PDB file of N, CA and C in Angstrom:
ATOM      1  N   MET A   1      35.938  94.498  48.382  1.00  0.00           N
ATOM      2  CA  MET A   1      36.949  94.807  49.323  1.00  0.00           C
ATOM      3  C   MET A   1      37.913  93.681  49.519  1.00  0.00           C
ATOM      4  N   THR A   2      39.364  93.993  49.503  1.00  0.00           N
ATOM      5  CA  THR A   2      40.286  92.951  49.750  1.00  0.00           C
ATOM      6  C   THR A   2      40.376  92.573  51.102  1.00  0.00           C
ATOM      7  N   ALA A   3      41.007  91.352  51.334  1.00  0.00           N
ATOM      8  CA  ALA A   3      41.190  91.066  52.696  1.00  0.00           C
ATOM      9  C   ALA A   3      42.036  92.010  53.449  1.00  0.00           C
ATOM     10  N   LYS A   4      43.091  92.690  52.857  1.00  0.00           N
ATOM     11  CA  LYS A   4      43.882  93.624  53.598  1.00  0.00           C
ATOM     12  C   LYS A   4      43.056  94.890  53.903  1.00  0.00           C
ATOM     13  N   GLU A   5      42.127  95.398  52.999  1.00  0.00           N
ATOM     14  CA  GLU A   5      41.177  96.443  53.312  1.00  0.00           C
ATOM     15  C   GLU A   5      40.325  96.180  54.471  1.00  0.00           C
ATOM     16  N   LYS A   6      39.737  94.982  54.454  1.00  0.00           N
ATOM     17  CA  LYS A   6      38.811  94.525  55.489  1.00  0.00           C
ATOM     18  C   LYS A   6      39.680  94.581  56.848  1.00  0.00           C
ATOM     19  N   LEU A   7      40.861  94.122  56.782  1.00  0.00           N
ATOM     20  CA  LEU A   7      41.701  93.968  57.889  1.00  0.00           C
ATOM     21  C   LEU A   7      42.066  95.364  58.568  1.00  0.00           C
ATOM     22  N   ARG A   8      42.256  96.398  57.583  1.00  0.00           N
ATOM     23  CA  ARG A   8      42.472  97.831  58.123  1.00  0.00           C
ATOM     24  C   ARG A   8      41.283  98.345  58.753  1.00  0.00           C
ATOM     25  N   VAL A   9      40.070  98.143  58.209  1.00  0.00           N
ATOM     26  CA  VAL A   9      38.912  98.509  58.898  1.00  0.00           C
ATOM     27  C   VAL A   9      38.706  97.972  60.189  1.00  0.00           C
ATOM     28  N   VAL A  10      38.965  96.666  60.407  1.00  0.00           N
ATOM     29  CA  VAL A  10      38.774  96.119  61.736  1.00  0.00           C
ATOM     30  C   VAL A  10      39.953  96.645  62.680  1.00  0.00           C
ATOM     31  N   VAL A  11      41.092  96.801  62.001  1.00  0.00           N
ATOM     32  CA  VAL A  11      42.260  97.271  62.997  1.00  0.00           C
ATOM     33  C   VAL A  11      41.867  98.704  63.546  1.00  0.00           C
ATOM     34  N   GLU A  12      41.182  99.461  62.893  1.00  0.00           N
ATOM     35  CA  GLU A  12      40.937 100.907  63.255  1.00  0.00           C
ATOM     36  C   GLU A  12      39.941 100.865  64.424  1.00  0.00           C
ATOM     37  N   GLU A  13      39.062  99.725  64.457  1.00  0.00           N
ATOM     38  CA  GLU A  13      38.168  99.657  65.564  1.00  0.00           C
ATOM     39  C   GLU A  13      38.683  99.076  66.792  1.00  0.00           C
ATOM     40  N   LEU A  14      39.852  98.506  66.750  1.00  0.00           N
ATOM     41  CA  LEU A  14      40.597  97.915  67.974  1.00  0.00           C
ATOM     42  C   LEU A  14      40.918  98.814  69.097  1.00  0.00           C
ATOM     43  N   SER A  15      40.772  98.635  70.216  1.00  0.00           N
ATOM     44  CA  SER A  15      41.461  99.368  71.398  1.00  0.00           C
ATOM     45  C   SER A  15      42.937  99.164  71.221  1.00  0.00           C
ATOM     46  N   GLU A  16      43.685 100.018  71.897  1.00  0.00           N
ATOM     47  CA  GLU A  16      45.260  99.837  71.949  1.00  0.00           C
ATOM     48  C   GLU A  16      45.499  98.485  72.499  1.00  0.00           C
ATOM     49  N   ARG A  17      44.849  97.986  73.515  1.00  0.00           N
ATOM     50  CA  ARG A  17      45.106  96.703  74.153  1.00  0.00           C
ATOM     51  C   ARG A  17      44.903  95.539  73.137  1.00  0.00           C
ATOM     52  N   GLU A  18      43.725  95.772  72.441  1.00  0.00           N
ATOM     53  CA  GLU A  18      43.348  94.542  71.602  1.00  0.00           C
ATOM     54  C   GLU A  18      44.291  94.533  70.339  1.00  0.00           C
ATOM     55  N   ALA A  19      44.757  95.762  69.988  1.00  0.00           N
ATOM     56  CA  ALA A  19      45.867  95.849  68.946  1.00  0.00           C
ATOM     57  C   ALA A  19      47.165  95.142  69.273  1.00  0.00           C
ATOM     58  N   GLU A  20      47.547  95.438  70.553  1.00  0.00           N
ATOM     59  CA  GLU A  20      48.699  94.865  70.916  1.00  0.00           C
ATOM     60  C   GLU A  20      48.583  93.225  71.068  1.00  0.00           C
ATOM     61  N   GLY A  21      47.487  92.799  71.495  1.00  0.00           N
ATOM     62  CA  GLY A  21      47.118  91.355  71.374  1.00  0.00           C
ATOM     63  C   GLY A  21      47.246  90.703  70.078  1.00  0.00           C
ATOM     64  N   ALA A  22      46.511  91.567  69.106  1.00  0.00           N
ATOM     65  CA  ALA A  22      46.563  91.074  67.751  1.00  0.00           C
ATOM     66  C   ALA A  22      47.977  91.075  67.185  1.00  0.00           C
ATOM     67  N   LEU A  23      48.753  91.997  67.402  1.00  0.00           N
ATOM     68  CA  LEU A  23      50.256  92.036  66.913  1.00  0.00           C
ATOM     69  C   LEU A  23      50.997  90.830  67.440  1.00  0.00           C
ATOM     70  N   ASP A  24      50.752  90.545  68.648  1.00  0.00           N
ATOM     71  CA  ASP A  24      51.452  89.383  69.399  1.00  0.00           C
ATOM     72  C   ASP A  24      50.922  88.139  68.691  1.00  0.00           C
ATOM     73  N   TYR A  25      49.829  87.987  68.372  1.00  0.00           N
ATOM     74  CA  TYR A  25      49.219  86.757  67.874  1.00  0.00           C
ATOM     75  C   TYR A  25      49.849  86.669  66.326  1.00  0.00           C
ATOM     76  N   ILE A  26      49.845  87.764  65.608  1.00  0.00           N
ATOM     77  CA  ILE A  26      50.247  87.733  64.186  1.00  0.00           C
ATOM     78  C   ILE A  26      51.856  87.393  64.227  1.00  0.00           C
ATOM     79  N   ALA A  27      52.602  88.040  65.056  1.00  0.00           N
ATOM     80  CA  ALA A  27      54.010  87.832  65.248  1.00  0.00           C
ATOM     81  C   ALA A  27      54.295  86.301  65.531  1.00  0.00           C
ATOM     82  N   SER A  28      53.656  85.719  66.438  1.00  0.00           N
ATOM     83  CA  SER A  28      53.712  84.312  66.822  1.00  0.00           C
ATOM     84  C   SER A  28      53.428  83.279  65.697  1.00  0.00           C
ATOM     85  N   ARG A  29      52.496  83.797  64.973  1.00  0.00           N
ATOM     86  CA  ARG A  29      52.112  82.774  63.802  1.00  0.00           C
ATOM     87  C   ARG A  29      53.108  83.018  62.588  1.00  0.00           C
ATOM     88  N   ARG A  30      53.595  84.225  62.331  1.00  0.00           N
ATOM     89  CA  ARG A  30      54.466  84.393  61.214  1.00  0.00           C
ATOM     90  C   ARG A  30      55.910  83.729  61.447  1.00  0.00           C
ATOM     91  N   HIS A  31      56.237  83.617  62.679  1.00  0.00           N
ATOM     92  CA  HIS A  31      57.643  83.141  62.946  1.00  0.00           C
ATOM     93  C   HIS A  31      57.630  81.725  63.545  1.00  0.00           C
ATOM     94  N   ASP A  32      56.495  81.110  63.615  1.00  0.00           N
ATOM     95  CA  ASP A  32      56.350  79.834  64.292  1.00  0.00           C
ATOM     96  C   ASP A  32      56.377  78.731  63.405  1.00  0.00           C
ATOM     97  N   GLU A  33      57.630  78.225  62.954  1.00  0.00           N
ATOM     98  CA  GLU A  33      57.912  77.183  61.861  1.00  0.00           C
ATOM     99  C   GLU A  33      57.104  75.867  62.284  1.00  0.00           C
ATOM    100  N   LEU A  34      57.276  75.519  63.677  1.00  0.00           N
ATOM    101  CA  LEU A  34      56.721  74.443  64.220  1.00  0.00           C
ATOM    102  C   LEU A  34      55.188  74.403  64.184  1.00  0.00           C
ATOM    103  N   GLY A  35      54.667  75.624  64.470  1.00  0.00           N
ATOM    104  CA  GLY A  35      53.248  75.743  64.383  1.00  0.00           C
ATOM    105  C   GLY A  35      52.675  75.645  62.978  1.00  0.00           C
ATOM    106  N   ALA A  36      53.482  76.092  61.932  1.00  0.00           N
ATOM    107  CA  ALA A  36      52.941  76.053  60.657  1.00  0.00           C
ATOM    108  C   ALA A  36      53.091  74.485  60.155  1.00  0.00           C
ATOM    109  N   LEU A  37      54.232  73.846  60.559  1.00  0.00           N
ATOM    110  CA  LEU A  37      54.301  72.339  60.337  1.00  0.00           C
ATOM    111  C   LEU A  37      53.035  71.639  60.951  1.00  0.00           C
ATOM    112  N   LEU A  38      52.797  71.892  62.192  1.00  0.00           N
ATOM    113  CA  LEU A  38      51.739  71.082  62.826  1.00  0.00           C
ATOM    114  C   LEU A  38      50.344  71.595  62.103  1.00  0.00           C
ATOM    115  N   ASP A  39      50.245  72.702  61.873  1.00  0.00           N
ATOM    116  CA  ASP A  39      48.918  73.154  61.067  1.00  0.00           C
ATOM    117  C   ASP A  39      48.681  72.442  59.792  1.00  0.00           C
ATOM    118  N   SER A  40      49.769  72.132  59.117  1.00  0.00           N
ATOM    119  CA  SER A  40      49.577  71.544  57.759  1.00  0.00           C
ATOM    120  C   SER A  40      49.740  70.008  57.881  1.00  0.00           C
ATOM    121  N   ALA A  41      50.136  69.482  59.056  1.00  0.00           N
ATOM    122  CA  ALA A  41      50.232  68.045  59.253  1.00  0.00           C
ATOM    123  C   ALA A  41      48.931  67.141  59.000  1.00  0.00           C
ATOM    124  N   PRO A  42      48.901  66.101  58.368  1.00  0.00           N
ATOM    125  CA  PRO A  42      47.505  65.397  58.353  1.00  0.00           C
ATOM    126  C   PRO A  42      47.068  64.938  59.631  1.00  0.00           C
ATOM    127  N   LEU A  43      45.765  64.713  59.825  1.00  0.00           N
ATOM    128  CA  LEU A  43      45.285  64.086  61.003  1.00  0.00           C
ATOM    129  C   LEU A  43      45.856  62.755  61.120  1.00  0.00           C
ATOM    130  N   ASP A  44      45.993  62.256  62.503  1.00  0.00           N
ATOM    131  CA  ASP A  44      46.342  60.924  62.694  1.00  0.00           C
ATOM    132  C   ASP A  44      45.036  60.082  62.738  1.00  0.00           C
ATOM    133  N   ASP A  45      44.930  59.371  61.661  1.00  0.00           N
ATOM    134  CA  ASP A  45      43.699  58.604  61.546  1.00  0.00           C
ATOM    135  C   ASP A  45      43.788  57.126  61.657  1.00  0.00           C
ATOM    136  N   GLU A  46      45.125  56.678  62.219  1.00  0.00           N
ATOM    137  CA  GLU A  46      45.267  55.264  62.470  1.00  0.00           C
ATOM    138  C   GLU A  46      44.734  54.913  63.804  1.00  0.00           C
ATOM    139  N   PRO A  47      43.988  53.846  63.861  1.00  0.00           N
ATOM    140  CA  PRO A  47      43.385  53.428  65.148  1.00  0.00           C
ATOM    141  C   PRO A  47      44.417  53.033  66.184  1.00  0.00           C
ATOM    142  N   SER A  48      44.260  53.341  67.434  1.00  0.00           N
ATOM    143  CA  SER A  48      45.225  53.025  68.614  1.00  0.00           C
ATOM    144  C   SER A  48      45.191  51.613  68.806  1.00  0.00           C
ATOM    145  N   THR A  49      46.331  51.188  69.236  1.00  0.00           N
ATOM    146  CA  THR A  49      46.589  49.664  69.481  1.00  0.00           C
ATOM    147  C   THR A  49      46.025  49.589  71.011  1.00  0.00           C
ATOM    148  N   PRO A  50      45.928  48.309  71.423  1.00  0.00           N
ATOM    149  CA  PRO A  50      45.389  48.020  72.741  1.00  0.00           C
ATOM    150  C   PRO A  50      46.438  48.470  73.697  1.00  0.00           C
ATOM    151  N   GLU A  51      47.756  48.314  73.263  1.00  0.00           N
ATOM    152  CA  GLU A  51      48.821  48.780  74.186  1.00  0.00           C
ATOM    153  C   GLU A  51      48.782  50.262  74.475  1.00  0.00           C
ATOM    154  N   GLU A  52      48.535  50.963  73.313  1.00  0.00           N
ATOM    155  CA  GLU A  52      48.396  52.517  73.397  1.00  0.00           C
ATOM    156  C   GLU A  52      47.394  52.846  74.297  1.00  0.00           C
ATOM    157  N   GLU A  53      46.200  52.278  74.024  1.00  0.00           N
ATOM    158  CA  GLU A  53      44.920  52.521  74.892  1.00  0.00           C
ATOM    159  C   GLU A  53      45.229  52.410  76.521  1.00  0.00           C
ATOM    160  N   ALA A  54      45.990  51.276  76.730  1.00  0.00           N
ATOM    161  CA  ALA A  54      46.322  50.708  78.140  1.00  0.00           C
ATOM    162  C   ALA A  54      47.252  51.855  78.701  1.00  0.00           C
ATOM    163  N   ALA A  55      48.257  52.357  77.832  1.00  0.00           N
ATOM    164  CA  ALA A  55      49.059  53.440  78.318  1.00  0.00           C
ATOM    165  C   ALA A  55      48.386  54.699  78.648  1.00  0.00           C
ATOM    166  N   VAL A  56      47.508  55.084  77.814  1.00  0.00           N
ATOM    167  CA  VAL A  56      46.631  56.313  77.974  1.00  0.00           C
ATOM    168  C   VAL A  56      45.960  56.237  79.251  1.00  0.00           C
ATOM    169  N   GLN A  57      45.320  55.060  79.589  1.00  0.00           N
ATOM    170  CA  GLN A  57      44.573  54.794  80.647  1.00  0.00           C
ATOM    171  C   GLN A  57      45.356  54.873  81.858  1.00  0.00           C
ATOM    172  N   LEU A  58      46.542  54.378  81.865  1.00  0.00           N
ATOM    173  CA  LEU A  58      47.470  54.395  82.988  1.00  0.00           C
ATOM    174  C   LEU A  58      47.848  55.871  83.299  1.00  0.00           C
ATOM    175  N   ALA A  59      48.146  56.623  82.313  1.00  0.00           N
ATOM    176  CA  ALA A  59      48.456  57.930  82.396  1.00  0.00           C
ATOM    177  C   ALA A  59      47.375  58.782  83.082  1.00  0.00           C
ATOM    178  N   ARG A  60      46.180  58.523  82.542  1.00  0.00           N
ATOM    179  CA  ARG A  60      45.014  59.196  83.181  1.00  0.00           C
ATOM    180  C   ARG A  60      44.737  58.825  84.652  1.00  0.00           C
ATOM    181  N   ASP A  61      44.890  57.581  84.986  1.00  0.00           N
ATOM    182  CA  ASP A  61      44.751  57.211  86.319  1.00  0.00           C
ATOM    183  C   ASP A  61      45.765  57.812  87.210  1.00  0.00           C
ATOM    184  N   GLU A  62      47.029  57.944  86.856  1.00  0.00           N
ATOM    185  CA  GLU A  62      48.057  58.454  87.575  1.00  0.00           C
ATOM    186  C   GLU A  62      47.791  59.890  87.827  1.00  0.00           C
ATOM    187  N   LEU A  63      47.255  60.608  86.774  1.00  0.00           N
ATOM    188  CA  LEU A  63      46.871  62.014  86.879  1.00  0.00           C
ATOM    189  C   LEU A  63      45.846  62.283  87.842  1.00  0.00           C
ATOM    190  N   ALA A  64      44.763  61.332  87.727  1.00  0.00           N
ATOM    191  CA  ALA A  64      43.705  61.422  88.799  1.00  0.00           C
ATOM    192  C   ALA A  64      44.030  61.138  90.156  1.00  0.00           C
ATOM    193  N   HIS A  65      45.191  60.562  90.451  1.00  0.00           N
ATOM    194  CA  HIS A  65      45.597  60.150  91.711  1.00  0.00           C
ATOM    195  C   HIS A  65      46.684  61.085  92.205  1.00  0.00           C
ATOM    196  N   GLY A  66      46.932  62.174  91.374  1.00  0.00           N
ATOM    197  CA  GLY A  66      48.011  63.076  91.745  1.00  0.00           C
ATOM    198  C   GLY A  66      49.442  62.674  91.567  1.00  0.00           C
ATOM    199  N   GLU A  67      49.641  61.457  90.786  1.00  0.00           N
ATOM    200  CA  GLU A  67      50.914  60.970  90.684  1.00  0.00           C
ATOM    201  C   GLU A  67      51.585  61.501  89.529  1.00  0.00           C
ATOM    202  N   THR A  68      52.086  62.892  89.747  1.00  0.00           N
ATOM    203  CA  THR A  68      52.637  63.706  88.762  1.00  0.00           C
ATOM    204  C   THR A  68      54.053  64.062  89.114  1.00  0.00           C
ATOM    205  N   VAL A  69      54.868  64.539  88.183  1.00  0.00           N
ATOM    206  CA  VAL A  69      56.198  64.945  88.270  1.00  0.00           C
ATOM    207  C   VAL A  69      56.360  66.419  87.773  1.00  0.00           C
ATOM    208  N   SER A  70      56.734  67.295  88.520  1.00  0.00           N
ATOM    209  CA  SER A  70      56.865  68.747  88.202  1.00  0.00           C
ATOM    210  C   SER A  70      57.929  68.970  87.259  1.00  0.00           C
ATOM    211  N   LEU A  71      57.811  69.990  86.518  1.00  0.00           N
ATOM    212  CA  LEU A  71      58.961  70.377  85.597  1.00  0.00           C
ATOM    213  C   LEU A  71      60.161  70.588  86.484  1.00  0.00           C
ATOM    214  N   ASP A  72      60.179  71.175  87.461  1.00  0.00           N
ATOM    215  CA  ASP A  72      61.440  71.445  88.283  1.00  0.00           C
ATOM    216  C   ASP A  72      62.001  70.032  88.749  1.00  0.00           C
ATOM    217  N   GLU A  73      61.077  69.223  89.109  1.00  0.00           N
ATOM    218  CA  GLU A  73      61.753  67.713  89.505  1.00  0.00           C
ATOM    219  C   GLU A  73      62.478  67.248  88.381  1.00  0.00           C
ATOM    220  N   ILE A  74      61.779  67.240  87.136  1.00  0.00           N
ATOM    221  CA  ILE A  74      62.400  66.700  85.957  1.00  0.00           C
ATOM    222  C   ILE A  74      63.816  67.447  85.612  1.00  0.00           C
ATOM    223  N   ARG A  75      63.803  68.729  85.637  1.00  0.00           N
ATOM    224  CA  ARG A  75      64.977  69.490  85.489  1.00  0.00           C
ATOM    225  C   ARG A  75      66.112  69.102  86.466  1.00  0.00           C
ATOM    226  N   SER A  76      65.779  68.855  87.656  1.00  0.00           N
ATOM    227  CA  SER A  76      66.760  68.586  88.646  1.00  0.00           C
ATOM    228  C   SER A  76      67.276  67.155  88.424  1.00  0.00           C
ATOM    229  N   GLU A  77      66.467  66.264  87.928  1.00  0.00           N
ATOM    230  CA  GLU A  77      66.942  64.850  87.706  1.00  0.00           C
ATOM    231  C   GLU A  77      67.890  64.893  86.357  1.00  0.00           C
ATOM    232  N   LEU A  78      67.519  65.787  85.407  1.00  0.00           N
ATOM    233  CA  LEU A  78      68.359  65.867  84.303  1.00  0.00           C
ATOM    234  C   LEU A  78      69.655  66.594  84.450  1.00  0.00           C
ATOM    235  N   ALA A  79      69.826  67.470  85.379  1.00  0.00           N
ATOM    236  CA  ALA A  79      71.008  68.246  85.665  1.00  0.00           C
ATOM    237  C   ALA A  79      72.159  67.428  86.213  1.00  0.00           C
TER     238      ALA A  79
END
């Protein structure tokens, strides 16, 4: 049985709601050039520098203390 034949069998077993979700997923994957690019990108296997590690820790600390900026605040600053 081919992949398309197997897919047809599975599709027939889906509820209408599940079918809608599957269609949305397929549509998003077919037209998502950035997603395709990211999926095919090699893993980042370079070690982090001490400066990068410090920046990540600072960001985590700020997040833990609620020191965040909302998207609305950023938009108003950029407007």
